Amino acid sequence: MFLAGLDQVLFCVGLFIASGGMMFHVLVAGDFRRLPASDRRMMERAAVLALAAVALGVGLRGEILTNGSSQILFNLKTWRIGIATSLGTSALVS
């Protein structure tokens, strides 16, 4: 359960930095095309963090539904159960 909470925090942080940073630079500052490479890389890394957290979240959701331990994440059945949830559908759409 702790890992699922930590995964959710990582997802929210990554999504906030990536989408919030891009929206600020596009809508408010208007300098997205002139954005320094370091800032652009930071937003790209945050987006990758959010995507990885979503992928891990699917497996963790399957783990929670099977009442398993973290070792069960290596079981394909756990991932199939996670994909069948609403989080799995959302992850596939995104």
Protein backbone atom coordinates (compact mmCIF):
# COMPACT_ATOMS: atom_id res chain seq x y z
CA MET A 1 0.00 0.00 0.00
CA PHE A 2 2.92 2.34 0.73
CA LEU A 3 4.32 1.80 -2.76
CA ALA A 4 0.97 2.65 -4.33
CA GLY A 5 0.86 5.93 -2.41
CA LEU A 6 4.45 6.76 -3.33
CA ASP A 7 3.70 5.93 -6.95
CA GLN A 8 0.74 8.31 -6.90
CA VAL A 9 2.90 11.10 -5.47
CA LEU A 10 5.56 10.57 -8.16
CA PHE A 11 2.89 10.64 -10.84
CA CYS A 12 1.39 13.88 -9.53
CA VAL A 13 4.78 15.58 -9.19
CA GLY A 14 5.87 14.54 -12.68
CA LEU A 15 2.59 15.58 -14.24
CA PHE A 16 2.54 18.92 -12.41
CA ILE A 17 6.07 19.84 -13.47
CA ALA A 18 5.68 18.69 -17.08
CA SER A 19 2.24 20.03 -17.89
CA GLY A 20 2.40 23.04 -15.59
CA GLY A 21 5.77 24.09 -16.94
CA MET A 22 4.68 23.72 -20.53
CA MET A 23 1.40 25.56 -19.99
CA PHE A 24 3.18 28.42 -18.22
CA HIS A 25 5.75 28.85 -20.97
CA VAL A 26 3.17 28.60 -23.77
CA LEU A 27 0.27 30.59 -22.31
CA VAL A 28 1.83 33.08 -19.89
CA ALA A 29 5.44 33.70 -20.79
CA GLY A 30 5.05 33.01 -24.51
CA ASP A 31 8.65 31.85 -24.77
CA PHE A 32 8.31 28.11 -25.31
CA ARG A 33 10.28 28.16 -28.56
CA ARG A 34 13.10 30.11 -26.87
CA LEU A 35 13.10 27.93 -23.76
CA PRO A 36 16.59 26.97 -22.55
CA ALA A 37 17.54 23.37 -23.27
CA SER A 38 17.99 22.62 -19.57
CA ASP A 39 14.41 23.68 -18.77
CA ARG A 40 13.06 21.69 -21.68
CA ARG A 41 14.99 18.58 -20.53
CA MET A 42 13.59 19.01 -17.01
CA MET A 43 10.02 19.02 -18.35
CA GLU A 44 10.78 16.01 -20.56
CA ARG A 45 12.21 14.07 -17.61
CA ALA A 46 9.19 14.97 -15.50
CA ALA A 47 6.90 13.67 -18.25
CA VAL A 48 8.86 10.41 -18.41
CA LEU A 49 8.60 10.12 -14.61
CA ALA A 50 4.82 10.56 -14.81
CA LEU A 51 4.52 7.93 -17.57
CA ALA A 52 6.70 5.46 -15.65
CA ALA A 53 4.62 6.05 -12.52
CA VAL A 54 1.43 5.31 -14.45
CA ALA A 55 2.91 2.09 -15.81
CA LEU A 56 4.05 1.00 -12.36
CA GLY A 57 0.68 2.04 -10.94
CA VAL A 58 -1.08 -0.48 -13.18
CA GLY A 59 1.01 -3.30 -11.73
CA LEU A 60 0.55 -2.01 -8.20
CA ARG A 61 -3.22 -1.86 -8.70
CA GLY A 62 -3.14 -5.50 -9.78
CA GLU A 63 -1.06 -6.31 -6.71
CA ILE A 64 -3.57 -4.63 -4.41
CA LEU A 65 -6.49 -6.47 -6.02
CA THR A 66 -4.77 -9.85 -5.61
CA ASN A 67 -3.71 -9.10 -2.00
CA GLY A 68 -0.17 -9.97 -2.97
CA SER A 69 3.25 -8.78 -1.94
CA SER A 70 5.59 -6.68 -4.04
CA GLN A 71 7.12 -9.92 -5.39
CA ILE A 72 3.87 -10.60 -7.22
CA LEU A 73 4.67 -7.68 -9.56
CA PHE A 74 6.77 -10.14 -11.56
CA ASN A 75 3.67 -12.24 -12.27
CA LEU A 76 1.94 -11.59 -15.60
CA LYS A 77 -1.48 -12.31 -14.06
CA THR A 78 -1.03 -9.32 -11.73
CA TRP A 79 -0.46 -6.99 -14.68
CA ARG A 80 -3.48 -8.40 -16.53
CA ILE A 81 -5.66 -7.69 -13.51
CA GLY A 82 -4.21 -4.17 -13.27
CA ILE A 83 -4.87 -3.50 -16.96
CA ALA A 84 -8.52 -4.54 -16.48
CA THR A 85 -9.08 -1.71 -13.97
CA SER A 86 -10.04 1.87 -14.77
CA LEU A 87 -6.42 2.90 -14.13
CA GLY A 88 -5.30 0.40 -16.77
CA THR A 89 -7.74 1.84 -19.27
CA SER A 90 -6.60 5.37 -18.50
CA ALA A 91 -2.96 4.35 -18.85
CA LEU A 92 -3.61 2.78 -22.24
CA VAL A 93 -5.44 5.88 -23.46
CA SER A 94 -2.68 8.23 -22.31
